């Protein structure tokens, strides 16, 4: 039984340490709700994967998101990791399109 709890603890901790495109999608869906003029798919397609990575590396990702959608709700640094993974995964040159819901 102790082994099960150790496994569960490791699973929960590892999930919080790694960013996820799916989590990023969920966060963006909440942040883009009322008053926004752009969808999450349109947002991701605004830049290539390389451009999204450059924005992240230059610490300009939050600024760019606010520029692209001024009505975007505030994003904290923990959320930004998952949001980046989503934007990178579905960048305009990825050939992928996010699923709904």
PDB file of N, CA and C in Angstrom:
ATOM      1  N   UNK A   1       0.806  -1.188   0.000  1.00  0.00           N
ATOM      2  CA  UNK A   1       0.000   0.000   0.000  1.00  0.00           C
ATOM      3  C   UNK A   1       0.860   1.268   0.000  1.00  0.00           C
ATOM      4  N   UNK A   2       1.969   1.235   0.739  1.00  0.00           N
ATOM      5  CA  UNK A   2       2.879   2.372   0.782  1.00  0.00           C
ATOM      6  C   UNK A   2       3.451   2.636  -0.608  1.00  0.00           C
ATOM      7  N   UNK A   3       3.753   1.556  -1.324  1.00  0.00           N
ATOM      8  CA  UNK A   3       4.272   1.694  -2.680  1.00  0.00           C
ATOM      9  C   UNK A   3       3.305   2.412  -3.600  1.00  0.00           C
ATOM     10  N   UNK A   4       2.029   2.142  -3.434  1.00  0.00           N
ATOM     11  CA  UNK A   4       1.010   2.805  -4.250  1.00  0.00           C
ATOM     12  C   UNK A   4       1.003   4.307  -3.992  1.00  0.00           C
ATOM     13  N   UNK A   5       1.094   4.701  -2.705  1.00  0.00           N
ATOM     14  CA  UNK A   5       1.086   6.114  -2.368  1.00  0.00           C
ATOM     15  C   UNK A   5       2.342   6.819  -2.869  1.00  0.00           C
ATOM     16  N   UNK A   6       3.472   6.136  -2.837  1.00  0.00           N
ATOM     17  CA  UNK A   6       4.702   6.708  -3.397  1.00  0.00           C
ATOM     18  C   UNK A   6       4.541   6.924  -4.892  1.00  0.00           C
ATOM     19  N   UNK A   7       3.990   5.923  -5.574  1.00  0.00           N
ATOM     20  CA  UNK A   7       3.754   6.040  -7.011  1.00  0.00           C
ATOM     21  C   UNK A   7       2.822   7.203  -7.304  1.00  0.00           C
ATOM     22  N   UNK A   8       1.740   7.327  -6.555  1.00  0.00           N
ATOM     23  CA  UNK A   8       0.779   8.405  -6.749  1.00  0.00           C
ATOM     24  C   UNK A   8       1.427   9.762  -6.507  1.00  0.00           C
ATOM     25  N   UNK A   9       2.245   9.870  -5.488  1.00  0.00           N
ATOM     26  CA  UNK A   9       2.932  11.124  -5.184  1.00  0.00           C
ATOM     27  C   UNK A   9       3.893  11.499  -6.309  1.00  0.00           C
ATOM     28  N   UNK A  10       4.641  10.530  -6.798  1.00  0.00           N
ATOM     29  CA  UNK A  10       5.578  10.788  -7.897  1.00  0.00           C
ATOM     30  C   UNK A  10       4.822  11.211  -9.145  1.00  0.00           C
ATOM     31  N   UNK A  11       3.721  10.568  -9.425  1.00  0.00           N
ATOM     32  CA  UNK A  11       2.903  10.905 -10.586  1.00  0.00           C
ATOM     33  C   UNK A  11       2.396  12.337 -10.499  1.00  0.00           C
ATOM     34  N   UNK A  12       1.894  12.735  -9.352  1.00  0.00           N
ATOM     35  CA  UNK A  12       1.378  14.091  -9.177  1.00  0.00           C
ATOM     36  C   UNK A  12       2.477  15.134  -9.277  1.00  0.00           C
ATOM     37  N   UNK A  13       3.614  14.855  -8.677  1.00  0.00           N
ATOM     38  CA  UNK A  13       4.737  15.790  -8.723  1.00  0.00           C
ATOM     39  C   UNK A  13       5.265  15.919 -10.137  1.00  0.00           C
ATOM     40  N   UNK A  14       5.429  14.817 -10.836  1.00  0.00           N
ATOM     41  CA  UNK A  14       5.981  14.878 -12.190  1.00  0.00           C
ATOM     42  C   UNK A  14       5.043  15.608 -13.128  1.00  0.00           C
ATOM     43  N   UNK A  15       3.753  15.497 -12.896  1.00  0.00           N
ATOM     44  CA  UNK A  15       2.789  16.203 -13.753  1.00  0.00           C
ATOM     45  C   UNK A  15       2.931  17.714 -13.602  1.00  0.00           C
ATOM     46  N   UNK A  16       3.210  18.181 -12.393  1.00  0.00           N
ATOM     47  CA  UNK A  16       3.324  19.620 -12.175  1.00  0.00           C
ATOM     48  C   UNK A  16       4.668  20.169 -12.641  1.00  0.00           C
ATOM     49  N   UNK A  17       5.665  19.311 -12.812  1.00  0.00           N
ATOM     50  CA  UNK A  17       6.980  19.782 -13.223  1.00  0.00           C
ATOM     51  C   UNK A  17       7.098  19.977 -14.731  1.00  0.00           C
ATOM     52  N   UNK A  18       6.254  19.337 -15.498  1.00  0.00           N
ATOM     53  CA  UNK A  18       6.372  19.393 -16.940  1.00  0.00           C
ATOM     54  C   UNK A  18       5.179  20.114 -17.541  1.00  0.00           C
ATOM     55  N   UNK A  19       5.460  20.999 -18.488  1.00  0.00           N
ATOM     56  CA  UNK A  19       4.404  21.733 -19.161  1.00  0.00           C
ATOM     57  C   UNK A  19       3.699  20.821 -20.155  1.00  0.00           C
ATOM     58  N   UNK A  20       2.501  21.201 -20.524  1.00  0.00           N
ATOM     59  CA  UNK A  20       1.696  20.356 -21.383  1.00  0.00           C
ATOM     60  C   UNK A  20       0.874  21.189 -22.354  1.00  0.00           C
ATOM     61  N   UNK A  21       0.883  20.821 -23.645  1.00  0.00           N
ATOM     62  CA  UNK A  21       0.033  21.530 -24.603  1.00  0.00           C
ATOM     63  C   UNK A  21      -1.447  21.445 -24.236  1.00  0.00           C
ATOM     64  N   UNK A  22      -1.882  20.302 -23.717  1.00  0.00           N
ATOM     65  CA  UNK A  22      -3.297  20.156 -23.335  1.00  0.00           C
ATOM     66  C   UNK A  22      -3.663  21.099 -22.197  1.00  0.00           C
ATOM     67  N   UNK A  23      -2.783  21.198 -21.213  1.00  0.00           N
ATOM     68  CA  UNK A  23      -3.029  22.133 -20.107  1.00  0.00           C
ATOM     69  C   UNK A  23      -3.011  23.570 -20.623  1.00  0.00           C
ATOM     70  N   UNK A  24      -2.091  23.862 -21.529  1.00  0.00           N
ATOM     71  CA  UNK A  24      -2.024  25.203 -22.127  1.00  0.00           C
ATOM     72  C   UNK A  24      -3.305  25.553 -22.864  1.00  0.00           C
ATOM     73  N   UNK A  25      -3.871  24.574 -23.560  1.00  0.00           N
ATOM     74  CA  UNK A  25      -5.127  24.800 -24.267  1.00  0.00           C
ATOM     75  C   UNK A  25      -6.243  25.115 -23.269  1.00  0.00           C
ATOM     76  N   UNK A  26      -6.320  24.353 -22.195  1.00  0.00           N
ATOM     77  CA  UNK A  26      -7.347  24.593 -21.180  1.00  0.00           C
ATOM     78  C   UNK A  26      -7.205  25.984 -20.566  1.00  0.00           C
ATOM     79  N   UNK A  27      -5.982  26.363 -20.270  1.00  0.00           N
ATOM     80  CA  UNK A  27      -5.744  27.677 -19.678  1.00  0.00           C
ATOM     81  C   UNK A  27      -6.158  28.773 -20.645  1.00  0.00           C
ATOM     82  N   UNK A  28      -5.735  28.658 -21.907  1.00  0.00           N
ATOM     83  CA  UNK A  28      -6.085  29.681 -22.891  1.00  0.00           C
ATOM     84  C   UNK A  28      -7.583  29.766 -23.130  1.00  0.00           C
ATOM     85  N   UNK A  29      -8.259  28.628 -23.126  1.00  0.00           N
ATOM     86  CA  UNK A  29      -9.710  28.651 -23.307  1.00  0.00           C
ATOM     87  C   UNK A  29     -10.372  29.468 -22.202  1.00  0.00           C
ATOM     88  N   UNK A  30      -9.859  29.384 -20.992  1.00  0.00           N
ATOM     89  CA  UNK A  30     -10.401  30.162 -19.879  1.00  0.00           C
ATOM     90  C   UNK A  30     -10.021  31.634 -19.993  1.00  0.00           C
ATOM     91  N   UNK A  31      -8.783  31.889 -20.399  1.00  0.00           N
ATOM     92  CA  UNK A  31      -8.284  33.270 -20.454  1.00  0.00           C
ATOM     93  C   UNK A  31      -8.864  34.056 -21.628  1.00  0.00           C
ATOM     94  N   UNK A  32      -9.320  33.359 -22.661  1.00  0.00           N
ATOM     95  CA  UNK A  32      -9.834  34.032 -23.862  1.00  0.00           C
ATOM     96  C   UNK A  32     -11.359  34.126 -23.899  1.00  0.00           C
ATOM     97  N   UNK A  33     -12.019  33.855 -22.809  1.00  0.00           N
ATOM     98  CA  UNK A  33     -13.477  33.815 -22.825  1.00  0.00           C
ATOM     99  C   UNK A  33     -14.101  35.116 -23.336  1.00  0.00           C
ATOM    100  N   UNK A  34     -14.764  35.850 -22.519  1.00  0.00           N
ATOM    101  CA  UNK A  34     -15.585  36.977 -22.946  1.00  0.00           C
ATOM    102  C   UNK A  34     -14.771  38.172 -23.432  1.00  0.00           C
ATOM    103  N   UNK A  35     -15.261  38.771 -24.510  1.00  0.00           N
ATOM    104  CA  UNK A  35     -14.673  39.997 -25.016  1.00  0.00           C
ATOM    105  C   UNK A  35     -13.465  39.837 -25.912  1.00  0.00           C
ATOM    106  N   UNK A  36     -13.020  38.624 -26.143  1.00  0.00           N
ATOM    107  CA  UNK A  36     -11.840  38.410 -26.977  1.00  0.00           C
ATOM    108  C   UNK A  36     -12.246  38.269 -28.445  1.00  0.00           C
ATOM    109  N   UNK A  37     -11.341  38.651 -29.303  1.00  0.00           N
ATOM    110  CA  UNK A  37     -11.627  38.664 -30.738  1.00  0.00           C
ATOM    111  C   UNK A  37     -10.919  37.550 -31.495  1.00  0.00           C
ATOM    112  N   UNK A  38     -10.213  36.687 -30.794  1.00  0.00           N
ATOM    113  CA  UNK A  38      -9.390  35.674 -31.441  1.00  0.00           C
ATOM    114  C   UNK A  38      -9.607  34.327 -30.746  1.00  0.00           C
ATOM    115  N   UNK A  39      -9.540  33.243 -31.519  1.00  0.00           N
ATOM    116  CA  UNK A  39      -9.663  31.908 -30.930  1.00  0.00           C
ATOM    117  C   UNK A  39      -8.271  31.398 -30.555  1.00  0.00           C
ATOM    118  N   UNK A  40      -8.236  30.319 -29.796  1.00  0.00           N
ATOM    119  CA  UNK A  40      -6.929  29.773 -29.424  1.00  0.00           C
ATOM    120  C   UNK A  40      -6.184  29.245 -30.640  1.00  0.00           C
ATOM    121  N   UNK A  41      -6.922  28.706 -31.614  1.00  0.00           N
ATOM    122  CA  UNK A  41      -6.284  28.211 -32.839  1.00  0.00           C
ATOM    123  C   UNK A  41      -5.698  29.369 -33.640  1.00  0.00           C
ATOM    124  N   UNK A  42      -6.442  30.457 -33.743  1.00  0.00           N
ATOM    125  CA  UNK A  42      -5.951  31.635 -34.456  1.00  0.00           C
ATOM    126  C   UNK A  42      -4.739  32.223 -33.748  1.00  0.00           C
ATOM    127  N   UNK A  43      -4.782  32.216 -32.429  1.00  0.00           N
ATOM    128  CA  UNK A  43      -3.666  32.744 -31.643  1.00  0.00           C
ATOM    129  C   UNK A  43      -2.396  31.944 -31.903  1.00  0.00           C
ATOM    130  N   UNK A  44      -2.490  30.627 -31.834  1.00  0.00           N
ATOM    131  CA  UNK A  44      -1.312  29.777 -32.053  1.00  0.00           C
ATOM    132  C   UNK A  44      -0.756  29.941 -33.458  1.00  0.00           C
ATOM    133  N   UNK A  45      -1.638  30.175 -34.423  1.00  0.00           N
ATOM    134  CA  UNK A  45      -1.220  30.287 -35.826  1.00  0.00           C
ATOM    135  C   UNK A  45      -0.613  31.644 -36.168  1.00  0.00           C
ATOM    136  N   UNK A  46      -0.562  32.555 -35.225  1.00  0.00           N
ATOM    137  CA  UNK A  46       0.021  33.881 -35.476  1.00  0.00           C
ATOM    138  C   UNK A  46       1.533  33.826 -35.667  1.00  0.00           C
ATOM    139  N   UNK A  47       2.169  32.765 -35.183  1.00  0.00           N
ATOM    140  CA  UNK A  47       3.627  32.645 -35.299  1.00  0.00           C
ATOM    141  C   UNK A  47       4.017  31.204 -35.610  1.00  0.00           C
ATOM    142  N   UNK A  48       5.193  31.062 -36.184  1.00  0.00           N
ATOM    143  CA  UNK A  48       5.767  29.733 -36.404  1.00  0.00           C
ATOM    144  C   UNK A  48       6.287  29.203 -35.069  1.00  0.00           C
ATOM    145  N   UNK A  49       6.633  27.922 -35.049  1.00  0.00           N
ATOM    146  CA  UNK A  49       7.196  27.345 -33.828  1.00  0.00           C
ATOM    147  C   UNK A  49       8.481  28.065 -33.430  1.00  0.00           C
ATOM    148  N   UNK A  50       9.310  28.361 -34.407  1.00  0.00           N
ATOM    149  CA  UNK A  50      10.572  29.056 -34.131  1.00  0.00           C
ATOM    150  C   UNK A  50      10.300  30.435 -33.523  1.00  0.00           C
ATOM    151  N   UNK A  51       9.325  31.154 -34.064  1.00  0.00           N
ATOM    152  CA  UNK A  51       9.009  32.485 -33.543  1.00  0.00           C
ATOM    153  C   UNK A  51       8.473  32.417 -32.106  1.00  0.00           C
ATOM    154  N   UNK A  52       7.607  31.426 -31.824  1.00  0.00           N
ATOM    155  CA  UNK A  52       7.113  31.269 -30.454  1.00  0.00           C
ATOM    156  C   UNK A  52       8.269  30.983 -29.500  1.00  0.00           C
ATOM    157  N   UNK A  53       9.200  30.127 -29.948  1.00  0.00           N
ATOM    158  CA  UNK A  53      10.352  29.790 -29.100  1.00  0.00           C
ATOM    159  C   UNK A  53      11.218  31.026 -28.851  1.00  0.00           C
ATOM    160  N   UNK A  54      11.429  31.831 -29.873  1.00  0.00           N
ATOM    161  CA  UNK A  54      12.225  33.053 -29.719  1.00  0.00           C
ATOM    162  C   UNK A  54      11.557  34.026 -28.741  1.00  0.00           C
ATOM    163  N   UNK A  55      10.243  34.169 -28.855  1.00  0.00           N
ATOM    164  CA  UNK A  55       9.519  35.044 -27.931  1.00  0.00           C
ATOM    165  C   UNK A  55       9.677  34.553 -26.488  1.00  0.00           C
ATOM    166  N   UNK A  56       9.579  33.249 -26.292  1.00  0.00           N
ATOM    167  CA  UNK A  56       9.760  32.683 -24.950  1.00  0.00           C
ATOM    168  C   UNK A  56      11.180  32.911 -24.451  1.00  0.00           C
ATOM    169  N   UNK A  57      12.161  32.617 -25.306  1.00  0.00           N
ATOM    170  CA  UNK A  57      13.565  32.744 -24.910  1.00  0.00           C
ATOM    171  C   UNK A  57      13.945  34.185 -24.574  1.00  0.00           C
ATOM    172  N   UNK A  58      13.266  35.148 -25.209  1.00  0.00           N
ATOM    173  CA  UNK A  58      13.538  36.565 -24.975  1.00  0.00           C
ATOM    174  C   UNK A  58      12.623  37.157 -23.885  1.00  0.00           C
ATOM    175  N   UNK A  59      11.872  36.287 -23.209  1.00  0.00           N
ATOM    176  CA  UNK A  59      10.930  36.721 -22.166  1.00  0.00           C
ATOM    177  C   UNK A  59       9.921  37.748 -22.674  1.00  0.00           C
ATOM    178  N   UNK A  60       9.482  37.578 -23.918  1.00  0.00           N
ATOM    179  CA  UNK A  60       8.517  38.504 -24.517  1.00  0.00           C
ATOM    180  C   UNK A  60       7.179  37.833 -24.808  1.00  0.00           C
ATOM    181  N   UNK A  61       6.995  36.616 -24.329  1.00  0.00           N
ATOM    182  CA  UNK A  61       5.797  35.866 -24.654  1.00  0.00           C
ATOM    183  C   UNK A  61       4.538  36.523 -24.090  1.00  0.00           C
ATOM    184  N   UNK A  62       4.563  36.928 -22.828  1.00  0.00           N
ATOM    185  CA  UNK A  62       3.397  37.591 -22.235  1.00  0.00           C
ATOM    186  C   UNK A  62       3.045  38.875 -22.985  1.00  0.00           C
ATOM    187  N   UNK A  63       4.065  39.649 -23.305  1.00  0.00           N
ATOM    188  CA  UNK A  63       3.822  40.902 -24.030  1.00  0.00           C
ATOM    189  C   UNK A  63       3.193  40.644 -25.392  1.00  0.00           C
ATOM    190  N   UNK A  64       3.675  39.628 -26.082  1.00  0.00           N
ATOM    191  CA  UNK A  64       3.141  39.306 -27.407  1.00  0.00           C
ATOM    192  C   UNK A  64       1.698  38.828 -27.308  1.00  0.00           C
ATOM    193  N   UNK A  65       1.399  38.021 -26.307  1.00  0.00           N
ATOM    194  CA  UNK A  65       0.027  37.552 -26.122  1.00  0.00           C
ATOM    195  C   UNK A  65      -0.909  38.728 -25.860  1.00  0.00           C
ATOM    196  N   UNK A  66      -0.475  39.656 -25.041  1.00  0.00           N
ATOM    197  CA  UNK A  66      -1.286  40.842 -24.739  1.00  0.00           C
ATOM    198  C   UNK A  66      -1.440  41.726 -25.986  1.00  0.00           C
ATOM    199  N   UNK A  67      -0.401  41.776 -26.811  1.00  0.00           N
ATOM    200  CA  UNK A  67      -0.469  42.540 -28.059  1.00  0.00           C
ATOM    201  C   UNK A  67      -1.471  41.906 -29.033  1.00  0.00           C
ATOM    202  N   UNK A  68      -1.425  40.585 -29.140  1.00  0.00           N
ATOM    203  CA  UNK A  68      -2.313  39.884 -30.070  1.00  0.00           C
ATOM    204  C   UNK A  68      -3.762  39.885 -29.596  1.00  0.00           C
ATOM    205  N   UNK A  69      -3.963  39.850 -28.289  1.00  0.00           N
ATOM    206  CA  UNK A  69      -5.324  39.875 -27.728  1.00  0.00           C
ATOM    207  C   UNK A  69      -5.339  40.720 -26.462  1.00  0.00           C
ATOM    208  N   UNK A  70      -5.654  42.012 -26.623  1.00  0.00           N
ATOM    209  CA  UNK A  70      -5.647  42.930 -25.477  1.00  0.00           C
ATOM    210  C   UNK A  70      -6.611  42.541 -24.357  1.00  0.00           C
ATOM    211  N   UNK A  71      -7.672  41.805 -24.666  1.00  0.00           N
ATOM    212  CA  UNK A  71      -8.658  41.413 -23.653  1.00  0.00           C
ATOM    213  C   UNK A  71      -8.300  40.117 -22.935  1.00  0.00           C
ATOM    214  N   UNK A  72      -7.137  39.575 -23.211  1.00  0.00           N
ATOM    215  CA  UNK A  72      -6.688  38.339 -22.560  1.00  0.00           C
ATOM    216  C   UNK A  72      -6.573  38.561 -21.060  1.00  0.00           C
ATOM    217  N   UNK A  73      -7.136  37.633 -20.287  1.00  0.00           N
ATOM    218  CA  UNK A  73      -7.034  37.732 -18.833  1.00  0.00           C
ATOM    219  C   UNK A  73      -5.585  37.510 -18.404  1.00  0.00           C
ATOM    220  N   UNK A  74      -5.235  38.009 -17.222  1.00  0.00           N
ATOM    221  CA  UNK A  74      -3.868  37.932 -16.710  1.00  0.00           C
ATOM    222  C   UNK A  74      -3.372  36.483 -16.653  1.00  0.00           C
ATOM    223  N   UNK A  75      -2.129  36.295 -17.061  1.00  0.00           N
ATOM    224  CA  UNK A  75      -1.473  34.980 -17.073  1.00  0.00           C
ATOM    225  C   UNK A  75      -0.319  35.016 -16.086  1.00  0.00           C
ATOM    226  N   UNK A  76      -0.256  34.020 -15.203  1.00  0.00           N
ATOM    227  CA  UNK A  76       0.884  33.971 -14.291  1.00  0.00           C
ATOM    228  C   UNK A  76       1.999  33.110 -14.898  1.00  0.00           C
ATOM    229  N   UNK A  77       3.163  33.175 -14.285  1.00  0.00           N
ATOM    230  CA  UNK A  77       4.343  32.503 -14.842  1.00  0.00           C
ATOM    231  C   UNK A  77       4.183  30.987 -14.915  1.00  0.00           C
ATOM    232  N   UNK A  78       3.495  30.376 -13.955  1.00  0.00           N
ATOM    233  CA  UNK A  78       3.295  28.925 -13.989  1.00  0.00           C
ATOM    234  C   UNK A  78       2.434  28.534 -15.194  1.00  0.00           C
ATOM    235  N   UNK A  79       1.429  29.343 -15.476  1.00  0.00           N
ATOM    236  CA  UNK A  79       0.554  29.059 -16.621  1.00  0.00           C
ATOM    237  C   UNK A  79       1.283  29.249 -17.944  1.00  0.00           C
ATOM    238  N   UNK A  80       2.242  30.152 -17.958  1.00  0.00           N
ATOM    239  CA  UNK A  80       2.947  30.490 -19.192  1.00  0.00           C
ATOM    240  C   UNK A  80       3.697  29.297 -19.778  1.00  0.00           C
ATOM    241  N   UNK A  81       4.208  28.409 -18.934  1.00  0.00           N
ATOM    242  CA  UNK A  81       4.910  27.224 -19.428  1.00  0.00           C
ATOM    243  C   UNK A  81       3.983  26.348 -20.265  1.00  0.00           C
ATOM    244  N   UNK A  82       2.789  26.094 -19.758  1.00  0.00           N
ATOM    245  CA  UNK A  82       1.822  25.273 -20.490  1.00  0.00           C
ATOM    246  C   UNK A  82       1.312  26.002 -21.729  1.00  0.00           C
ATOM    247  N   UNK A  83       1.089  27.298 -21.600  1.00  0.00           N
ATOM    248  CA  UNK A  83       0.619  28.078 -22.748  1.00  0.00           C
ATOM    249  C   UNK A  83       1.658  28.049 -23.854  1.00  0.00           C
ATOM    250  N   UNK A  84       2.929  28.209 -23.491  1.00  0.00           N
ATOM    251  CA  UNK A  84       3.976  28.129 -24.513  1.00  0.00           C
ATOM    252  C   UNK A  84       3.939  26.775 -25.213  1.00  0.00           C
ATOM    253  N   UNK A  85       3.832  25.702 -24.447  1.00  0.00           N
ATOM    254  CA  UNK A  85       3.795  24.373 -25.066  1.00  0.00           C
ATOM    255  C   UNK A  85       2.647  24.251 -26.057  1.00  0.00           C
ATOM    256  N   UNK A  86       1.493  24.815 -25.722  1.00  0.00           N
ATOM    257  CA  UNK A  86       0.357  24.796 -26.637  1.00  0.00           C
ATOM    258  C   UNK A  86       0.666  25.605 -27.901  1.00  0.00           C
ATOM    259  N   UNK A  87       1.143  26.835 -27.717  1.00  0.00           N
ATOM    260  CA  UNK A  87       1.427  27.710 -28.864  1.00  0.00           C
ATOM    261  C   UNK A  87       2.486  27.093 -29.770  1.00  0.00           C
ATOM    262  N   UNK A  88       3.508  26.514 -29.172  1.00  0.00           N
ATOM    263  CA  UNK A  88       4.570  25.873 -29.944  1.00  0.00           C
ATOM    264  C   UNK A  88       4.030  24.656 -30.699  1.00  0.00           C
ATOM    265  N   UNK A  89       3.263  23.831 -30.002  1.00  0.00           N
ATOM    266  CA  UNK A  89       2.700  22.612 -30.602  1.00  0.00           C
ATOM    267  C   UNK A  89       1.845  22.918 -31.825  1.00  0.00           C
ATOM    268  N   UNK A  90       1.104  24.046 -31.760  1.00  0.00           N
ATOM    269  CA  UNK A  90       0.164  24.384 -32.834  1.00  0.00           C
ATOM    270  C   UNK A  90       0.567  25.642 -33.594  1.00  0.00           C
ATOM    271  N   UNK A  91       1.852  25.967 -33.607  1.00  0.00           N
ATOM    272  CA  UNK A  91       2.343  27.100 -34.379  1.00  0.00           C
ATOM    273  C   UNK A  91       1.970  26.957 -35.850  1.00  0.00           C
ATOM    274  N   UNK A  92       2.026  28.050 -36.570  1.00  0.00           N
ATOM    275  CA  UNK A  92       1.522  28.072 -37.963  1.00  0.00           C
ATOM    276  C   UNK A  92       2.214  27.077 -38.870  1.00  0.00           C
ATOM    277  N   UNK A  93       3.424  26.665 -38.567  1.00  0.00           N
ATOM    278  CA  UNK A  93       4.151  25.733 -39.432  1.00  0.00           C
ATOM    279  C   UNK A  93       4.112  24.293 -38.912  1.00  0.00           C
ATOM    280  N   UNK A  94       3.319  24.023 -37.871  1.00  0.00           N
ATOM    281  CA  UNK A  94       3.315  22.689 -37.271  1.00  0.00           C
ATOM    282  C   UNK A  94       2.511  21.665 -38.057  1.00  0.00           C
ATOM    283  N   UNK A  95       1.548  22.140 -38.834  1.00  0.00           N
ATOM    284  CA  UNK A  95       0.679  21.206 -39.555  1.00  0.00           C
ATOM    285  C   UNK A  95      -0.413  20.619 -38.668  1.00  0.00           C
ATOM    286  N   UNK A  96      -0.500  21.085 -37.425  1.00  0.00           N
ATOM    287  CA  UNK A  96      -1.485  20.574 -36.486  1.00  0.00           C
ATOM    288  C   UNK A  96      -2.546  21.647 -36.205  1.00  0.00           C
ATOM    289  N   UNK A  97      -3.733  21.198 -35.817  1.00  0.00           N
ATOM    290  CA  UNK A  97      -4.815  22.091 -35.447  1.00  0.00           C
ATOM    291  C   UNK A  97      -5.417  21.576 -34.147  1.00  0.00           C
ATOM    292  N   UNK A  98      -5.566  22.455 -33.141  1.00  0.00           N
ATOM    293  CA  UNK A  98      -6.086  21.981 -31.852  1.00  0.00           C
ATOM    294  C   UNK A  98      -7.523  21.507 -31.937  1.00  0.00           C
ATOM    295  N   UNK A  99      -7.832  20.485 -31.172  1.00  0.00           N
ATOM    296  CA  UNK A  99      -9.209  19.984 -31.124  1.00  0.00           C
ATOM    297  C   UNK A  99     -10.028  20.858 -30.201  1.00  0.00           C
ATOM    298  N   UNK A 100     -11.310  20.816 -30.364  1.00  0.00           N
ATOM    299  CA  UNK A 100     -12.211  21.605 -29.510  1.00  0.00           C
ATOM    300  C   UNK A 100     -12.466  20.858 -28.216  1.00  0.00           C
ATOM    301  N   UNK A 101     -12.580  21.647 -27.118  1.00  0.00           N
ATOM    302  CA  UNK A 101     -12.987  21.121 -25.827  1.00  0.00           C
ATOM    303  C   UNK A 101     -12.171  19.998 -25.392  1.00  0.00           C
TER     304      UNK A 101
END
